[in-house]
Structure formats: C-alpha cells, structure tokens
C-alpha atoms as a PDB file:
ATOM      1  CA  UNK A   1      23.397 121.633  97.981  1.00  0.00           C
ATOM      2  CA  UNK A   2      22.966 117.970  99.088  1.00  0.00           C
ATOM      3  CA  UNK A   3      25.892 115.726 100.311  1.00  0.00           C
ATOM      4  CA  UNK A   4      25.292 113.815  96.958  1.00  0.00           C
ATOM      5  CA  UNK A   5      26.134 116.693  94.944  1.00  0.00           C
ATOM      6  CA  UNK A   6      29.750 117.270  93.477  1.00  0.00           C
ATOM      7  CA  UNK A   7      31.685 120.041  94.400  1.00  0.00           C
ATOM      8  CA  UNK A   8      34.238 121.618  92.290  1.00  0.00           C
ATOM      9  CA  UNK A   9      38.086 121.597  93.112  1.00  0.00           C
ATOM     10  CA  UNK A  10      37.742 125.491  93.137  1.00  0.00           C
ATOM     11  CA  UNK A  11      34.867 125.424  95.960  1.00  0.00           C
ATOM     12  CA  UNK A  12      36.594 122.978  98.101  1.00  0.00           C
ATOM     13  CA  UNK A  13      39.439 125.087  97.808  1.00  0.00           C
ATOM     14  CA  UNK A  14      37.644 128.226  98.966  1.00  0.00           C
ATOM     15  CA  UNK A  15      35.728 126.545 101.782  1.00  0.00           C
ATOM     16  CA  UNK A  16      38.043 124.153 103.250  1.00  0.00           C
ATOM     17  CA  UNK A  17      40.668 124.336 106.016  1.00  0.00           C
ATOM     18  CA  UNK A  18      43.033 121.986 107.270  1.00  0.00           C
ATOM     19  CA  UNK A  19      42.365 120.329 110.796  1.00  0.00           C
ATOM     20  CA  UNK A  20      45.679 121.237 112.470  1.00  0.00           C
ATOM     21  CA  UNK A  21      44.907 125.048 111.151  1.00  0.00           C
ATOM     22  CA  UNK A  22      41.084 124.677 112.697  1.00  0.00           C
ATOM     23  CA  UNK A  23      42.621 123.253 115.954  1.00  0.00           C
ATOM     24  CA  UNK A  24      45.091 126.360 116.060  1.00  0.00           C
ATOM     25  CA  UNK A  25      42.479 128.973 115.392  1.00  0.00           C
ATOM     26  CA  UNK A  26      40.122 127.310 117.541  1.00  0.00           C
ATOM     27  CA  UNK A  27      42.867 127.345 120.454  1.00  0.00           C
ATOM     28  CA  UNK A  28      43.674 131.011 119.809  1.00  0.00           C
ATOM     29  CA  UNK A  29      40.033 131.902 120.176  1.00  0.00           C
ATOM     30  CA  UNK A  30      39.364 133.266 116.592  1.00  0.00           C
ATOM     31  CA  UNK A  31      37.322 130.167 115.796  1.00  0.00           C
ATOM     32  CA  UNK A  32      34.671 127.711 116.904  1.00  0.00           C
ATOM     33  CA  UNK A  33      34.342 124.289 115.562  1.00  0.00           C
ATOM     34  CA  UNK A  34      30.696 123.397 114.783  1.00  0.00           C
ATOM     35  CA  UNK A  35      29.968 119.615 114.888  1.00  0.00           C
ATOM     36  CA  UNK A  36      27.066 118.775 112.278  1.00  0.00           C
ATOM     37  CA  UNK A  37      26.800 115.336 112.938  1.00  0.00           C
ATOM     38  CA  UNK A  38      23.392 113.845 114.330  1.00  0.00           C
ATOM     39  CA  UNK A  39      23.558 113.200 117.913  1.00  0.00           C
ATOM     40  CA  UNK A  40      23.571 109.602 117.413  1.00  0.00           C
ATOM     41  CA  UNK A  41      26.853 109.724 115.746  1.00  0.00           C
ATOM     42  CA  UNK A  42      28.398 111.761 118.376  1.00  0.00           C
ATOM     43  CA  UNK A  43      27.391 109.233 121.122  1.00  0.00           C
ATOM     44  CA  UNK A  44      28.663 106.196 119.211  1.00  0.00           C
ATOM     45  CA  UNK A  45      31.888 107.709 117.730  1.00  0.00           C
ATOM     46  CA  UNK A  46      32.575 110.400 120.306  1.00  0.00           C
ATOM     47  CA  UNK A  47      32.552 114.299 120.686  1.00  0.00           C
ATOM     48  CA  UNK A  48      35.177 116.491 119.784  1.00  0.00           C
ATOM     49  CA  UNK A  49      36.149 118.780 122.891  1.00  0.00           C
ATOM     50  CA  UNK A  50      35.208 122.543 123.010  1.00  0.00           C
ATOM     51  CA  UNK A  51      33.139 121.928 119.635  1.00  0.00           C
ATOM     52  CA  UNK A  52      29.483 123.083 119.582  1.00  0.00           C
ATOM     53  CA  UNK A  53      27.051 120.545 118.500  1.00  0.00           C
ATOM     54  CA  UNK A  54      24.512 121.827 115.790  1.00  0.00           C
ATOM     55  CA  UNK A  55      23.158 118.910 113.545  1.00  0.00           C
ATOM     56  CA  UNK A  56      23.006 119.607 109.971  1.00  0.00           C
ATOM     57  CA  UNK A  57      20.222 117.911 108.835  1.00  0.00           C
ATOM     58  CA  UNK A  58      18.048 119.324 111.497  1.00  0.00           C
ATOM     59  CA  UNK A  59      18.872 122.701 110.827  1.00  0.00           C
ATOM     60  CA  UNK A  60      17.872 122.228 107.185  1.00  0.00           C
ATOM     61  CA  UNK A  61      14.437 120.948 108.276  1.00  0.00           C
ATOM     62  CA  UNK A  62      14.184 123.948 110.587  1.00  0.00           C
ATOM     63  CA  UNK A  63      15.109 126.275 107.471  1.00  0.00           C
ATOM     64  CA  UNK A  64      12.583 124.523 105.049  1.00  0.00           C
ATOM     65  CA  UNK A  65      15.029 122.779 103.053  1.00  0.00           C
ATOM     66  CA  UNK A  66      14.182 119.474 101.172  1.00  0.00           C
ATOM     67  CA  UNK A  67      16.571 116.461 102.361  1.00  0.00           C
ATOM     68  CA  UNK A  68      17.796 113.762 100.036  1.00  0.00           C
ATOM     69  CA  UNK A  69      16.772 110.217 100.901  1.00  0.00           C
ATOM     70  CA  UNK A  70      19.878 109.379 102.547  1.00  0.00           C
ATOM     71  CA  UNK A  71      19.874 112.762 104.488  1.00  0.00           C
ATOM     72  CA  UNK A  72      16.271 112.003 105.968  1.00  0.00           C
ATOM     73  CA  UNK A  73      17.456 108.205 106.663  1.00  0.00           C
ATOM     74  CA  UNK A  74      20.281 109.727 108.767  1.00  0.00           C
ATOM     75  CA  UNK A  75      17.981 112.026 110.362  1.00  0.00           C
ATOM     76  CA  UNK A  76      15.442 109.394 111.177  1.00  0.00           C
ATOM     77  CA  UNK A  77      18.133 107.239 112.913  1.00  0.00           C
ATOM     78  CA  UNK A  78      18.347 109.326 115.985  1.00  0.00           C
ATOM     79  CA  UNK A  79      16.651 111.259 118.543  1.00  0.00           C
ATOM     80  CA  UNK A  80      16.212 115.232 117.637  1.00  0.00           C
ATOM     81  CA  UNK A  81      18.318 117.873 119.313  1.00  0.00           C
ATOM     82  CA  UNK A  82      16.125 120.200 121.222  1.00  0.00           C
ATOM     83  CA  UNK A  83      16.492 123.425 118.786  1.00  0.00           C
ATOM     84  CA  UNK A  84      14.146 125.839 116.987  1.00  0.00           C
ATOM     85  CA  UNK A  85      15.154 128.464 114.289  1.00  0.00           C
ATOM     86  CA  UNK A  86      15.692 131.084 116.975  1.00  0.00           C
ATOM     87  CA  UNK A  87      18.135 129.212 119.066  1.00  0.00           C
ATOM     88  CA  UNK A  88      20.027 128.227 115.725  1.00  0.00           C
ATOM     89  CA  UNK A  89      20.094 131.770 114.462  1.00  0.00           C
ATOM     90  CA  UNK A  90      21.016 133.230 118.319  1.00  0.00           C
ATOM     91  CA  UNK A  91      24.080 130.685 118.440  1.00  0.00           C
ATOM     92  CA  UNK A  92      25.299 131.390 115.382  1.00  0.00           C
ATOM     93  CA  UNK A  93      24.971 135.290 115.455  1.00  0.00           C
ATOM     94  CA  UNK A  94      26.304 134.829 118.797  1.00  0.00           C
ATOM     95  CA  UNK A  95      29.531 133.284 117.495  1.00  0.00           C
ATOM     96  CA  UNK A  96      30.163 135.019 113.941  1.00  0.00           C
ATOM     97  CA  UNK A  97      28.857 138.682 114.809  1.00  0.00           C
ATOM     98  CA  UNK A  98      29.291 139.181 118.139  1.00  0.00           C
ATOM     99  CA  UNK A  99      32.577 137.324 118.466  1.00  0.00           C
ATOM    100  CA  UNK A 100      33.640 137.724 115.115  1.00  0.00           C
ATOM    101  CA  UNK A 101      34.762 133.890 114.821  1.00  0.00           C
ATOM    102  CA  UNK A 102      35.395 131.631 112.005  1.00  0.00           C
ATOM    103  CA  UNK A 103      32.302 128.861 111.846  1.00  0.00           C
ATOM    104  CA  UNK A 104      34.054 125.878 111.225  1.00  0.00           C
ATOM    105  CA  UNK A 105      31.843 122.923 110.434  1.00  0.00           C
ATOM    106  CA  UNK A 106      33.173 119.614 110.884  1.00  0.00           C
ATOM    107  CA  UNK A 107      31.483 116.223 110.091  1.00  0.00           C
ATOM    108  CA  UNK A 108      32.529 112.338 110.222  1.00  0.00           C
ATOM    109  CA  UNK A 109      34.841 112.589 106.925  1.00  0.00           C
ATOM    110  CA  UNK A 110      34.521 116.513 105.782  1.00  0.00           C
ATOM    111  CA  UNK A 111      31.926 116.098 102.865  1.00  0.00           C
ATOM    112  CA  UNK A 112      28.815 116.930 104.880  1.00  0.00           C
ATOM    113  CA  UNK A 113      30.703 119.971 106.389  1.00  0.00           C
ATOM    114  CA  UNK A 114      31.327 121.193 102.926  1.00  0.00           C
ATOM    115  CA  UNK A 115      27.539 121.358 102.603  1.00  0.00           C
ATOM    116  CA  UNK A 116      26.954 122.873 105.928  1.00  0.00           C
ATOM    117  CA  UNK A 117      29.875 126.014 105.279  1.00  0.00           C
ATOM    118  CA  UNK A 118      27.858 126.386 101.891  1.00  0.00           C
ATOM    119  CA  UNK A 119      24.678 126.684 103.582  1.00  0.00           C
ATOM    120  CA  UNK A 120      25.650 129.140 106.337  1.00  0.00           C
ATOM    121  CA  UNK A 121      27.543 131.242 103.627  1.00  0.00           C
ATOM    122  CA  UNK A 122      24.487 131.324 101.664  1.00  0.00           C
ATOM    123  CA  UNK A 123      22.699 132.454 104.725  1.00  0.00           C
ATOM    124  CA  UNK A 124      24.932 135.608 105.012  1.00  0.00           C
ATOM    125  CA  UNK A 125      27.912 133.909 107.037  1.00  0.00           C
ATOM    126  CA  UNK A 126      30.768 134.234 105.104  1.00  0.00           C
ATOM    127  CA  UNK A 127      33.133 133.242 107.620  1.00  0.00           C
ATOM    128  CA  UNK A 128      32.019 129.501 107.521  1.00  0.00           C
ATOM    129  CA  UNK A 129      34.366 126.878 106.150  1.00  0.00           C
ATOM    130  CA  UNK A 130      34.630 122.905 106.434  1.00  0.00           C
ATOM    131  CA  UNK A 131      37.347 121.540 108.332  1.00  0.00           C
ATOM    132  CA  UNK A 132      39.181 118.706 105.687  1.00  0.00           C
ATOM    133  CA  UNK A 133      38.897 115.156 107.133  1.00  0.00           C
ATOM    134  CA  UNK A 134      36.346 115.488 109.884  1.00  0.00           C
ATOM    135  CA  UNK A 135      36.144 113.666 112.807  1.00  0.00           C
ATOM    136  CA  UNK A 136      37.985 110.869 111.255  1.00  0.00           C
ATOM    137  CA  UNK A 137      40.887 113.263 110.870  1.00  0.00           C
ATOM    138  CA  UNK A 138      40.663 114.351 114.437  1.00  0.00           C
ATOM    139  CA  UNK A 139      40.554 110.792 115.730  1.00  0.00           C
ATOM    140  CA  UNK A 140      43.923 109.907 113.702  1.00  0.00           C
ATOM    141  CA  UNK A 141      45.379 113.234 115.344  1.00  0.00           C
ATOM    142  CA  UNK A 142      44.369 111.841 118.703  1.00  0.00           C
ATOM    143  CA  UNK A 143      46.083 108.296 118.231  1.00  0.00           C
ATOM    144  CA  UNK A 144      49.291 110.026 116.849  1.00  0.00           C
ATOM    145  CA  UNK A 145      48.609 108.979 113.145  1.00  0.00           C
ATOM    146  CA  UNK A 146      49.450 112.020 110.713  1.00  0.00           C
ATOM    147  CA  UNK A 147      47.062 114.231 108.991  1.00  0.00           C
ATOM    148  CA  UNK A 148      47.860 116.725 106.333  1.00  0.00           C
ATOM    149  CA  UNK A 149      48.680 120.156 107.168  1.00  0.00           C
ATOM    150  CA  UNK A 150      46.590 121.446 104.053  1.00  0.00           C
ATOM    151  CA  UNK A 151      43.610 119.812 102.685  1.00  0.00           C
ATOM    152  CA  UNK A 152      44.589 117.420  99.385  1.00  0.00           C
ATOM    153  CA  UNK A 153      43.844 118.950  96.121  1.00  0.00           C
ATOM    154  CA  UNK A 154      41.363 117.129  93.771  1.00  0.00           C
END
C-alpha cells in the first residue's frame, strides 16, 4: 500500500484509534507510539514525548518495498536514520512480543500511519494500529483545542 492508495472505511475502522485513547493506552503502559515521520519532519515540527522514532519510508526501503515518487522525494529530503533490518525487527519484536504492546503508528496527519499499520500487520504484527489525526491532532491537544474522542467515520 502506498500513501496515495485509498483505504476503505472498513479498513480505517479496523486500523485506526483516536488520539485520546492512544495516549491513555500509552500512559498505562499497554502501547507504544511509533512516530513514523522522517527525521527532518520531527526536527521541523517537534517530537511527541515518549514516542519511538522509526521512519516508515526507510523501513520500506530496508524491506525491499518500492516507494512512490512522492515517498522517495520525502525520503530524499532528509538524512537517513542509522537503522538496519536487524535493529528494526529487534525494536518491533521487543515491543510487540516481549512487552505485548500495541504498536500505535503516528505520522503528521494520520494517512501514512494507516500504511505503516497495514505494513506491520502484513508482517505478522496484528496489534499495529494507526493514530487518527497524527501529530497535527497531538499539537492541537497540546494547545487546548478539542480533538475528537473517536476517529470520524468516512
């Protein structure tokens, strides 16, 4: 799946979790938020505290997946994170299997994280979900603006 592909409403309903729920599960130690944005995006916009940074496009390249032209442009815009396939699987397995955590993928707006959750599920990690609204929703929450308790239905 690329970020341009349409995701059906049924898939979104199965893959997406609201930000307030994600934050609560993380606070309770039942989940880990995985920020899949590229390093330069985090440097420009800011990081989400206590999230683990695993850039999606670099992971896709490590796994031999083709990137769309837009994904390649975003990847080329920044410096790659020092990560190899072994370190990626070590991090994911430690969270998913050893800690029995939900893997909550978060990006800037919630679109790429759907792709990341789908990718992780296809690799045998059924507890991968996307955080609705992404970093933009998290930023709104930090400034006191309201964020929906549940993802909107499409």
